[in-house]
Amino acid sequence: MKRSEIAISASLVPIDYLTVVLAGIASYFIRFWQPIQEIRPAVFALSFESYLALLWGIAFIWTIGFTLAGLYSMRGTRRPIDEVYKIILGSSTAVAILMFIFFFSRNLFDSRFIIIVGWIFSTVFVIIARGIIRFIQHYLYKYGLGVHRVVIIGKGKLAQEVAESFKSDVKAGFKVVGRFSDFSSLTEKEILQMIKSDKIDEVLVADSNILDEEVNQLNDFSYLNHITLKFVAGIFDTPITNFEFNTIASLPIIEVKKTKLDGWGKIYKRFFDILISSVFIIIASPILLVTALFIIVDSKGGIFFSYQRIGQLGRPFRYFKFRSMIKDAHQKRFDDDFVKEHENLRQGTPMIKFKNDPRITRVGKIIRRFSVDELPELFNVFIGKMSLVGPRPHEVEEVAEYNSHQKRVLTVKPGMTGMAQVSGRSDLDFDEEIRLDIWYMENWSPKLDFLILLKTPFAVLKRRKTE
């Protein structure tokens, strides 16, 4: 690790500690604030001096909770959502420890209000404090401060993708200062010169076909010259992210997992879909009724538009949403004259999306703008044909034209929202949409679903190029 990262990681401990103390002080004054007193008067006497003396010890318990949650692991940069998750977990762990202590010391502290508010404030305050620190750190990256200066060794697609990723993602804190196809004697001399000039921090191998001899040489070279050596996981120049190692008949077996949505992950996601979709259906019922009424008044045809789409494992299912187009509008996509008259915004892909589509009704324009037409999909989620989060449901005609790589997205249930929807909706290139959906499928986690659901309202409100 770089010294700047070690310094930041070490400083987080006292910063978190003082932030929790500040949250505790705020909780105390909120409890004795006059408006709160009028709602729920305090029935105990606790001077600020006595409380503050107690607070220093309580803040130490929070530090223990954060440690158990892994917040002080020196792994360098991490995703913000992971850090927020660990802060919530750490604060909750600290409260549990505190309540356990209070169970055996009933007269030690009498205000449950301060404990609850302190838990909320400590979580929020630490998230804000760490957010400020990360913002400063990422800001300094723009000026080269704290950046990992890396030399990439490797040829092929994997090495190219690594270089492009580091260039596009400034917040990752990596800067490519050199690229070599292999670790030859000439390469060794050039890297040595960069080390002497203090222009390099680490060497990154991004080639699955590198020879064992070169790996051994690189390992010795990194030890002798006190430089970090890293490897990018890749097989046949195609990154495969999900492995499961097992020993079968005394043989080490590696299984390539198609998705993490298996076993307990599958059980969790189904339970989550049933629970949240039922809640959303109840909340959205007035909107569903009003929308149905407007569709009836606005144009001829049914309330719902229903037809077959392709779901998990390539199985067709009956898909329905609010009708937003004129009657039999779906058939016009197969009318050659109609297709020639209207520009398809998805040229070169199996998908069809017309610019200023004349088939859309007046009500349809409104409900499509805010994705109200998709609310009936909640019923498909509830019965198990769809999920809240996943790839979009695919049309039969589109899937017939998919290549083998694109058909990977059929491994999981289609979703009401997903990685592609929150990353650009219909403005995305088709290949980019497929790439995002496959990434989601291979890297699924409850936190990822939560993040996508959180981003969905903002994606809905954002105007699209096709509108």
Protein backbone atom coordinates (compact mmCIF):
# COMPACT_ATOMS: atom_id res chain seq x y z
CA MET A 1 0.00 0.00 0.00
CA LYS A 2 1.03 3.59 -0.53
CA ARG A 3 1.97 5.62 2.52
CA SER A 4 -0.90 8.03 1.84
CA GLU A 5 -3.40 5.15 2.01
CA ILE A 6 -1.87 3.85 5.23
CA ALA A 7 -2.03 7.35 6.72
CA ILE A 8 -5.69 7.77 5.72
CA SER A 9 -6.62 4.31 7.03
CA ALA A 10 -4.87 4.99 10.34
CA SER A 11 -6.49 8.43 10.70
CA LEU A 12 -9.97 6.94 10.22
CA VAL A 13 -9.85 5.37 13.70
CA PRO A 14 -9.57 8.66 15.69
CA ILE A 15 -11.82 10.47 13.18
CA ASP A 16 -14.57 7.85 13.59
CA TYR A 17 -14.13 7.94 17.37
CA LEU A 18 -14.49 11.73 17.58
CA THR A 19 -17.39 11.66 15.10
CA VAL A 20 -19.26 9.19 17.32
CA VAL A 21 -18.59 11.43 20.33
CA LEU A 22 -20.04 14.36 18.36
CA ALA A 23 -23.09 12.24 17.45
CA GLY A 24 -23.52 11.36 21.14
CA ILE A 25 -23.38 15.03 22.16
CA ALA A 26 -25.95 15.90 19.49
CA SER A 27 -28.20 13.09 20.78
CA TYR A 28 -28.01 14.45 24.33
CA PHE A 29 -29.03 17.97 23.34
CA ILE A 30 -31.80 16.65 21.08
CA ARG A 31 -33.20 14.69 24.06
CA PHE A 32 -33.36 17.79 26.27
CA TRP A 33 -34.47 20.10 23.45
CA GLN A 34 -37.67 21.89 24.47
CA PRO A 35 -39.89 20.66 21.57
CA ILE A 36 -38.89 17.05 22.35
CA GLN A 37 -39.44 17.63 26.06
CA GLU A 38 -42.99 18.81 25.34
CA ILE A 39 -43.71 15.60 23.38
CA ARG A 40 -41.94 13.20 25.77
CA PRO A 41 -40.53 14.75 28.98
CA ALA A 42 -37.33 13.24 30.37
CA VAL A 43 -38.03 11.41 33.63
CA PHE A 44 -34.38 11.09 34.61
CA ALA A 45 -31.66 13.52 35.66
CA LEU A 46 -28.37 13.32 33.80
CA SER A 47 -25.88 16.18 33.78
CA PHE A 48 -23.92 16.82 30.63
CA GLU A 49 -20.63 16.32 32.49
CA SER A 50 -21.66 12.87 33.71
CA TYR A 51 -22.99 11.95 30.26
CA LEU A 52 -19.79 13.12 28.53
CA ALA A 53 -17.65 11.05 30.88
CA LEU A 54 -19.75 8.03 29.94
CA LEU A 55 -19.70 8.92 26.24
CA TRP A 56 -15.92 8.49 25.87
CA GLY A 57 -16.29 4.81 26.79
CA ILE A 58 -19.38 4.32 24.64
CA ALA A 59 -17.54 5.76 21.61
CA PHE A 60 -14.83 3.14 22.17
CA ILE A 61 -17.53 0.43 21.86
CA TRP A 62 -18.46 1.94 18.47
CA THR A 63 -14.82 1.62 17.40
CA ILE A 64 -14.98 -2.07 18.33
CA GLY A 65 -18.17 -2.45 16.28
CA PHE A 66 -16.54 -0.79 13.28
CA THR A 67 -13.50 -3.04 13.66
CA LEU A 68 -15.67 -6.17 13.69
CA ALA A 69 -17.48 -4.89 10.56
CA GLY A 70 -14.13 -4.63 8.74
CA LEU A 71 -14.06 -0.84 8.37
CA TYR A 72 -10.37 -0.61 9.28
CA SER A 73 -9.13 -3.23 6.84
CA MET A 74 -6.21 -1.73 4.90
CA ARG A 75 -7.32 -2.77 1.45
CA GLY A 76 -6.91 0.58 -0.22
CA THR A 77 -9.88 1.92 -2.16
CA ARG A 78 -13.36 0.40 -1.77
CA ARG A 79 -16.82 1.01 -3.19
CA PRO A 80 -18.88 3.63 -1.32
CA ILE A 81 -21.88 1.28 -1.02
CA ASP A 82 -19.65 -1.30 0.73
CA GLU A 83 -18.39 1.31 3.17
CA VAL A 84 -21.93 2.52 3.96
CA TYR A 85 -23.05 -1.06 4.52
CA LYS A 86 -20.18 -1.70 6.95
CA ILE A 87 -20.85 1.55 8.83
CA ILE A 88 -24.50 0.52 9.35
CA LEU A 89 -23.38 -2.97 10.38
CA GLY A 90 -20.71 -1.56 12.74
CA SER A 91 -23.12 0.87 14.41
CA SER A 92 -25.73 -1.84 14.84
CA THR A 93 -23.11 -4.19 16.34
CA ALA A 94 -22.04 -1.45 18.77
CA VAL A 95 -25.65 -0.92 19.89
CA ALA A 96 -26.04 -4.65 20.44
CA ILE A 97 -22.87 -4.71 22.58
CA LEU A 98 -24.07 -1.64 24.50
CA MET A 99 -27.48 -3.16 25.20
CA PHE A 100 -25.79 -6.37 26.38
CA ILE A 101 -23.71 -4.32 28.86
CA PHE A 102 -26.78 -2.37 30.03
CA PHE A 103 -28.62 -5.64 30.61
CA PHE A 104 -26.19 -6.41 33.42
CA SER A 105 -26.00 -2.77 34.62
CA ARG A 106 -29.62 -1.62 34.71
CA ASN A 107 -28.89 1.60 36.57
CA LEU A 108 -26.03 2.62 34.32
CA PHE A 109 -28.14 4.46 31.74
CA ASP A 110 -31.85 5.18 31.57
CA SER A 111 -32.57 6.86 28.21
CA ARG A 112 -33.53 4.57 25.34
CA PHE A 113 -34.23 7.70 23.28
CA ILE A 114 -30.58 8.80 23.41
CA ILE A 115 -29.42 5.29 22.48
CA ILE A 116 -31.70 5.11 19.42
CA VAL A 117 -30.96 8.67 18.27
CA GLY A 118 -27.26 8.13 19.00
CA TRP A 119 -27.29 5.02 16.80
CA ILE A 120 -28.90 6.98 13.93
CA PHE A 121 -26.68 10.05 14.36
CA SER A 122 -23.47 8.01 14.67
CA THR A 123 -24.31 6.15 11.46
CA VAL A 124 -25.16 9.32 9.53
CA PHE A 125 -22.29 11.39 10.93
CA VAL A 126 -19.67 8.71 10.19
CA ILE A 127 -21.03 8.24 6.64
CA ILE A 128 -20.77 12.01 6.07
CA ALA A 129 -17.28 12.25 7.61
CA ARG A 130 -15.95 9.36 5.56
CA GLY A 131 -17.65 10.74 2.45
CA ILE A 132 -15.76 14.01 2.92
CA ILE A 133 -12.48 12.12 3.38
CA ARG A 134 -13.07 10.02 0.24
CA PHE A 135 -14.03 13.15 -1.72
CA ILE A 136 -10.76 14.82 -0.73
CA GLN A 137 -8.82 11.66 -1.57
CA HIS A 138 -10.44 11.35 -5.01
CA TYR A 139 -9.95 15.05 -5.65
CA LEU A 140 -6.22 14.70 -4.96
CA TYR A 141 -6.05 11.79 -7.41
CA LYS A 142 -6.68 14.30 -10.21
CA TYR A 143 -3.36 15.93 -9.33
CA GLY A 144 -1.50 12.63 -9.03
CA LEU A 145 -1.39 12.65 -5.23
CA GLY A 146 -1.79 9.18 -3.73
CA VAL A 147 -2.21 7.54 -7.14
CA HIS A 148 -0.82 4.05 -7.77
CA ARG A 149 1.59 4.34 -10.69
CA VAL A 150 1.41 0.98 -12.39
CA VAL A 151 3.16 -0.83 -15.23
CA ILE A 152 1.00 -3.37 -17.06
CA ILE A 153 2.59 -6.53 -18.44
CA GLY A 154 0.52 -8.53 -20.89
CA LYS A 155 -0.93 -8.61 -24.36
CA GLY A 156 -4.42 -9.23 -25.62
CA LYS A 157 -7.91 -8.07 -24.71
CA LEU A 158 -7.52 -8.39 -20.94
CA ALA A 159 -4.49 -6.08 -20.77
CA GLN A 160 -6.24 -3.54 -22.99
CA GLU A 161 -9.39 -3.59 -20.85
CA VAL A 162 -7.37 -3.08 -17.67
CA ALA A 163 -5.57 -0.08 -19.15
CA GLU A 164 -8.83 1.47 -20.37
CA SER A 165 -10.57 0.86 -17.04
CA PHE A 166 -7.82 2.62 -15.08
CA LYS A 167 -7.92 5.54 -17.52
CA SER A 168 -11.70 5.99 -17.38
CA ASP A 169 -12.12 5.44 -13.63
CA VAL A 170 -10.04 8.17 -12.00
CA LYS A 171 -11.52 7.39 -8.58
CA ALA A 172 -9.88 3.95 -8.66
CA GLY A 173 -6.59 5.73 -7.96
CA PHE A 174 -4.48 3.93 -10.59
CA LYS A 175 -2.44 5.48 -13.39
CA VAL A 176 -0.80 3.42 -16.12
CA VAL A 177 2.78 4.67 -16.60
CA GLY A 178 3.96 1.89 -18.88
CA ARG A 179 2.85 -1.16 -20.88
CA PHE A 180 4.89 -4.16 -21.98
CA SER A 181 3.81 -7.30 -23.81
CA ASP A 182 6.11 -9.58 -21.75
CA PHE A 183 8.82 -9.55 -19.09
CA SER A 184 11.91 -9.71 -21.26
CA SER A 185 15.41 -8.57 -20.34
CA LEU A 186 14.72 -5.27 -22.13
CA THR A 187 11.49 -4.81 -20.18
CA GLU A 188 13.35 -5.48 -16.92
CA LYS A 189 15.92 -2.79 -17.73
CA GLU A 190 13.23 -0.21 -18.56
CA ILE A 191 11.28 -0.94 -15.36
CA LEU A 192 14.50 -0.72 -13.32
CA GLN A 193 15.13 2.71 -14.79
CA MET A 194 11.59 3.78 -13.86
CA ILE A 195 12.17 2.55 -10.29
CA LYS A 196 15.39 4.55 -10.01
CA SER A 197 13.55 7.64 -11.29
CA ASP A 198 10.69 7.02 -8.81
CA LYS A 199 8.08 6.76 -11.56
CA ILE A 200 6.49 3.45 -10.61
CA ASP A 201 4.79 1.87 -7.58
CA GLU A 202 3.76 -1.57 -8.79
CA VAL A 203 3.69 -4.07 -11.62
CA LEU A 204 0.38 -5.57 -12.75
CA VAL A 205 0.31 -8.77 -14.81
CA ALA A 206 -2.73 -8.89 -17.11
CA ASP A 207 -2.06 -11.91 -19.27
CA SER A 208 -3.35 -15.42 -18.55
CA ASN A 209 -0.87 -16.92 -21.02
CA ILE A 210 2.24 -15.58 -19.31
CA LEU A 211 4.91 -18.26 -18.91
CA ASP A 212 5.67 -19.74 -15.49
CA GLU A 213 9.29 -18.76 -15.95
CA GLU A 214 8.32 -15.11 -16.40
CA VAL A 215 6.12 -15.24 -13.29
CA ASN A 216 9.05 -16.57 -11.22
CA GLN A 217 11.34 -13.87 -12.62
CA LEU A 218 8.78 -11.17 -11.85
CA ASN A 219 8.33 -12.46 -8.33
CA ASP A 220 12.08 -12.38 -7.68
CA PHE A 221 12.32 -8.97 -9.34
CA SER A 222 9.58 -7.52 -7.10
CA TYR A 223 11.36 -8.79 -3.96
CA LEU A 224 14.79 -7.52 -4.98
CA ASN A 225 13.51 -4.07 -5.95
CA HIS A 226 10.88 -3.69 -3.20
CA ILE A 227 8.00 -3.17 -5.60
CA THR A 228 4.42 -4.49 -5.45
CA LEU A 229 3.44 -7.30 -7.82
CA LYS A 230 -0.23 -7.92 -8.68
CA PHE A 231 -2.14 -10.18 -11.05
CA VAL A 232 -5.47 -9.64 -12.80
CA ALA A 233 -7.67 -12.73 -12.64
CA GLY A 234 -8.38 -13.84 -16.20
CA ILE A 235 -8.76 -17.07 -18.17
CA PHE A 236 -8.05 -17.23 -21.89
CA ASP A 237 -8.16 -13.43 -21.99
CA THR A 238 -11.83 -13.58 -20.97
CA PRO A 239 -12.52 -12.52 -17.37
CA ILE A 240 -14.60 -15.10 -15.47
CA THR A 241 -15.61 -13.81 -12.07
CA ASN A 242 -17.39 -16.68 -10.32
CA PHE A 243 -15.40 -19.70 -9.23
CA GLU A 244 -16.20 -22.41 -6.72
CA PHE A 245 -13.36 -24.66 -5.54
CA ASN A 246 -14.17 -28.21 -4.42
CA THR A 247 -12.19 -31.37 -3.78
CA ILE A 248 -13.87 -34.37 -5.45
CA ALA A 249 -12.25 -37.81 -5.33
CA SER A 250 -9.06 -36.13 -4.08
CA LEU A 251 -9.01 -33.91 -7.19
CA PRO A 252 -9.12 -30.08 -7.05
CA ILE A 253 -12.16 -29.15 -9.15
CA ILE A 254 -13.04 -25.60 -10.24
CA GLU A 255 -16.67 -24.94 -11.16
CA VAL A 256 -17.46 -21.81 -13.16
CA LYS A 257 -20.68 -20.46 -11.63
CA LYS A 258 -23.09 -18.80 -14.05
CA THR A 259 -24.54 -16.58 -11.34
CA LYS A 260 -24.46 -16.06 -7.58
CA LEU A 261 -28.25 -16.29 -7.68
CA ASP A 262 -28.19 -19.89 -6.58
CA GLY A 263 -28.85 -21.71 -3.31
CA TRP A 264 -29.60 -19.28 -0.48
CA GLY A 265 -29.24 -16.35 -2.88
CA LYS A 266 -32.17 -17.66 -4.91
CA ILE A 267 -34.26 -18.22 -1.77
CA TYR A 268 -33.48 -14.72 -0.45
CA LYS A 269 -34.29 -13.01 -3.75
CA ARG A 270 -37.63 -14.80 -4.10
CA PHE A 271 -38.65 -13.91 -0.53
CA PHE A 272 -37.56 -10.30 -1.12
CA ASP A 273 -39.56 -10.11 -4.38
CA ILE A 274 -42.75 -11.42 -2.75
CA LEU A 275 -42.47 -9.08 0.23
CA ILE A 276 -41.60 -5.87 -1.62
CA SER A 277 -43.90 -6.43 -4.63
CA SER A 278 -46.90 -7.00 -2.33
CA VAL A 279 -46.11 -3.78 -0.45
CA PHE A 280 -45.69 -1.84 -3.72
CA ILE A 281 -48.96 -3.23 -5.11
CA ILE A 282 -50.86 -1.97 -2.06
CA ILE A 283 -49.17 1.45 -2.17
CA ALA A 284 -49.60 1.84 -5.94
CA SER A 285 -53.22 0.62 -6.10
CA PRO A 286 -54.72 4.16 -6.36
CA ILE A 287 -52.34 4.95 -9.24
CA LEU A 288 -53.24 1.66 -10.95
CA LEU A 289 -56.97 2.41 -10.74
CA VAL A 290 -56.66 6.03 -11.96
CA THR A 291 -54.37 5.00 -14.85
CA ALA A 292 -56.79 2.27 -15.95
CA LEU A 293 -59.65 4.80 -15.98
CA PHE A 294 -57.69 7.30 -18.12
CA ILE A 295 -56.70 4.59 -20.62
CA ILE A 296 -60.36 3.60 -21.08
CA VAL A 297 -61.42 7.22 -21.66
CA ASP A 298 -58.48 8.14 -23.91
CA SER A 299 -58.59 5.48 -26.66
CA LYS A 300 -60.15 2.25 -27.86
CA GLY A 301 -58.69 -1.05 -26.74
CA GLY A 302 -58.06 -2.94 -23.56
CA ILE A 303 -56.53 -1.61 -20.37
CA PHE A 304 -53.54 -3.93 -20.57
CA PHE A 305 -51.14 -4.84 -23.34
CA SER A 306 -50.32 -8.51 -23.05
CA TYR A 307 -48.11 -10.81 -25.12
CA GLN A 308 -45.38 -13.40 -24.75
CA ARG A 309 -41.87 -12.51 -23.64
CA ILE A 310 -38.92 -14.73 -22.89
CA GLY A 311 -38.03 -15.30 -19.25
CA GLN A 312 -35.56 -17.34 -17.24
CA LEU A 313 -33.90 -20.26 -19.05
CA GLY A 314 -35.50 -19.13 -22.33
CA ARG A 315 -39.02 -20.04 -21.18
CA PRO A 316 -41.86 -17.86 -22.55
CA PHE A 317 -44.30 -16.23 -20.15
CA ARG A 318 -47.35 -13.99 -20.44
CA TYR A 319 -46.16 -10.42 -19.95
CA PHE A 320 -48.53 -7.52 -19.43
CA LYS A 321 -48.41 -3.81 -18.71
CA PHE A 322 -50.72 -0.82 -19.16
CA ARG A 323 -51.59 -0.21 -22.81
CA SER A 324 -49.81 2.93 -23.97
CA MET A 325 -50.32 2.53 -27.74
CA ILE A 326 -53.19 2.32 -30.16
CA LYS A 327 -54.93 -1.02 -30.64
CA ASP A 328 -52.83 -3.66 -32.49
CA ALA A 329 -49.80 -1.33 -32.48
CA HIS A 330 -47.46 -4.27 -31.94
CA GLN A 331 -48.24 -5.64 -35.40
CA LYS A 332 -47.00 -2.48 -37.11
CA ARG A 333 -43.39 -3.28 -36.24
CA PHE A 334 -43.67 -6.07 -38.85
CA ASP A 335 -45.10 -3.67 -41.46
CA ASP A 336 -42.22 -2.88 -43.85
CA ASP A 337 -43.81 0.37 -45.05
CA PHE A 338 -44.27 1.60 -41.46
CA VAL A 339 -40.71 0.66 -40.49
CA LYS A 340 -39.28 2.50 -43.52
CA GLU A 341 -41.22 5.68 -42.66
CA HIS A 342 -40.00 5.85 -39.06
CA GLU A 343 -36.43 5.91 -37.80
CA ASN A 344 -35.39 2.91 -35.71
CA LEU A 345 -33.13 4.20 -32.93
CA ARG A 346 -31.70 0.71 -32.38
CA GLN A 347 -30.24 0.10 -35.85
CA GLY A 348 -27.90 -2.89 -36.08
CA THR A 349 -29.50 -4.68 -33.10
CA PRO A 350 -32.40 -7.13 -32.71
CA MET A 351 -34.34 -4.38 -30.89
CA ILE A 352 -36.75 -1.84 -32.38
CA LYS A 353 -37.35 1.61 -30.90
CA PHE A 354 -39.00 4.22 -33.13
CA LYS A 355 -38.28 7.91 -32.79
CA ASN A 356 -41.44 9.97 -32.10
CA ASP A 357 -43.46 6.76 -32.31
CA PRO A 358 -46.92 7.69 -33.76
CA ARG A 359 -48.50 4.57 -32.21
CA ILE A 360 -48.28 6.03 -28.68
CA THR A 361 -51.53 7.50 -27.30
CA ARG A 362 -51.86 10.77 -25.36
CA VAL A 363 -52.13 8.98 -22.03
CA GLY A 364 -49.43 6.60 -23.22
CA LYS A 365 -46.90 9.43 -23.54
CA ILE A 366 -47.45 10.41 -19.91
CA ILE A 367 -47.41 6.95 -18.36
CA ARG A 368 -44.38 5.89 -20.45
CA ARG A 369 -42.51 9.05 -19.47
CA PHE A 370 -42.73 8.10 -15.79
CA SER A 371 -42.81 4.30 -16.33
CA VAL A 372 -46.31 4.07 -14.86
CA ASP A 373 -47.17 1.67 -17.71
CA GLU A 374 -44.78 -0.86 -16.14
CA LEU A 375 -46.44 -0.95 -12.70
CA PRO A 376 -48.60 -4.01 -13.55
CA GLU A 377 -45.31 -5.93 -13.82
CA LEU A 378 -45.47 -6.03 -10.00
CA PHE A 379 -48.04 -8.83 -10.35
CA ASN A 380 -45.63 -10.82 -12.52
CA VAL A 381 -43.00 -10.32 -9.81
CA PHE A 382 -45.42 -11.51 -7.13
CA ILE A 383 -46.31 -14.74 -8.97
CA GLY A 384 -42.65 -15.44 -9.76
CA LYS A 385 -42.40 -14.87 -13.52
CA MET A 386 -40.25 -11.77 -13.04
CA SER A 387 -38.06 -10.20 -10.36
CA LEU A 388 -37.85 -6.64 -9.06
CA VAL A 389 -34.26 -6.42 -10.35
CA GLY A 390 -32.82 -8.22 -13.36
CA PRO A 391 -32.34 -7.94 -17.15
CA ARG A 392 -35.31 -6.50 -19.03
CA PRO A 393 -37.93 -9.01 -20.26
CA HIS A 394 -36.98 -10.00 -23.82
CA GLU A 395 -39.29 -10.17 -26.80
CA VAL A 396 -39.61 -13.44 -28.72
CA GLU A 397 -38.55 -11.87 -32.02
CA GLU A 398 -35.49 -10.27 -30.42
CA VAL A 399 -34.27 -13.43 -28.70
CA ALA A 400 -34.48 -15.31 -32.01
CA GLU A 401 -31.70 -13.02 -33.30
CA TYR A 402 -29.48 -13.08 -30.19
CA ASN A 403 -26.07 -14.71 -30.46
CA SER A 404 -24.84 -17.23 -27.89
CA HIS A 405 -23.13 -14.55 -25.76
CA GLN A 406 -26.25 -12.37 -25.64
CA LYS A 407 -28.39 -15.34 -24.59
CA ARG A 408 -26.48 -15.49 -21.28
CA VAL A 409 -28.93 -12.94 -19.86
CA LEU A 410 -31.63 -15.62 -20.00
CA THR A 411 -29.96 -17.40 -17.09
CA VAL A 412 -31.89 -15.33 -14.51
CA LYS A 413 -35.42 -13.93 -14.25
CA PRO A 414 -36.10 -10.66 -16.08
CA GLY A 415 -36.63 -7.64 -13.85
CA MET A 416 -38.75 -4.51 -13.62
CA THR A 417 -35.51 -2.57 -13.28
CA GLY A 418 -31.86 -3.48 -13.63
CA MET A 419 -28.30 -2.41 -14.25
CA ALA A 420 -29.06 -1.30 -17.81
CA GLN A 421 -32.15 0.68 -16.81
CA VAL A 422 -30.38 2.72 -14.14
CA SER A 423 -27.33 3.21 -16.36
CA GLY A 424 -29.04 4.80 -19.34
CA ARG A 425 -32.41 3.11 -19.97
CA SER A 426 -33.24 3.06 -23.71
CA ASP A 427 -30.33 5.41 -24.56
CA LEU A 428 -27.81 2.59 -24.11
CA ASP A 429 -26.17 0.72 -26.95
CA PHE A 430 -27.55 -2.83 -27.12
CA ASP A 431 -24.17 -4.48 -26.58
CA GLU A 432 -23.57 -2.24 -23.56
CA GLU A 433 -26.98 -3.20 -22.17
CA ILE A 434 -26.12 -6.90 -22.52
CA ARG A 435 -22.72 -6.36 -20.90
CA LEU A 436 -24.29 -4.64 -17.89
CA ASP A 437 -26.96 -7.32 -17.48
CA ILE A 438 -24.37 -10.11 -17.62
CA TRP A 439 -22.22 -8.27 -15.08
CA TYR A 440 -25.24 -8.02 -12.77
CA MET A 441 -26.00 -11.71 -13.21
CA GLU A 442 -22.43 -12.74 -12.36
CA ASN A 443 -21.95 -10.28 -9.48
CA TRP A 444 -25.38 -10.29 -7.84
CA SER A 445 -25.70 -9.44 -4.16
CA PRO A 446 -28.51 -8.11 -1.92
CA LYS A 447 -26.59 -4.83 -1.67
CA LEU A 448 -26.49 -4.53 -5.46
CA ASP A 449 -30.26 -5.04 -5.70
CA PHE A 450 -30.79 -2.40 -3.02
CA LEU A 451 -28.54 0.08 -4.85
CA ILE A 452 -30.31 -0.47 -8.18
CA LEU A 453 -33.75 -0.01 -6.58
CA LEU A 454 -32.47 3.16 -4.94
CA LYS A 455 -31.27 4.55 -8.29
CA THR A 456 -34.40 3.58 -10.24
CA PRO A 457 -36.57 6.65 -9.39
CA PHE A 458 -33.75 8.96 -10.54
CA ALA A 459 -33.39 6.99 -13.79
CA VAL A 460 -37.15 7.25 -14.38
CA LEU A 461 -37.17 11.02 -13.89
CA LYS A 462 -34.20 11.53 -16.21
CA ARG A 463 -35.28 12.31 -19.75
CA ARG A 464 -34.17 9.96 -22.51
CA LYS A 465 -32.88 10.75 -25.97
CA THR A 466 -35.74 8.75 -27.41
CA GLU A 467 -38.32 11.05 -25.81
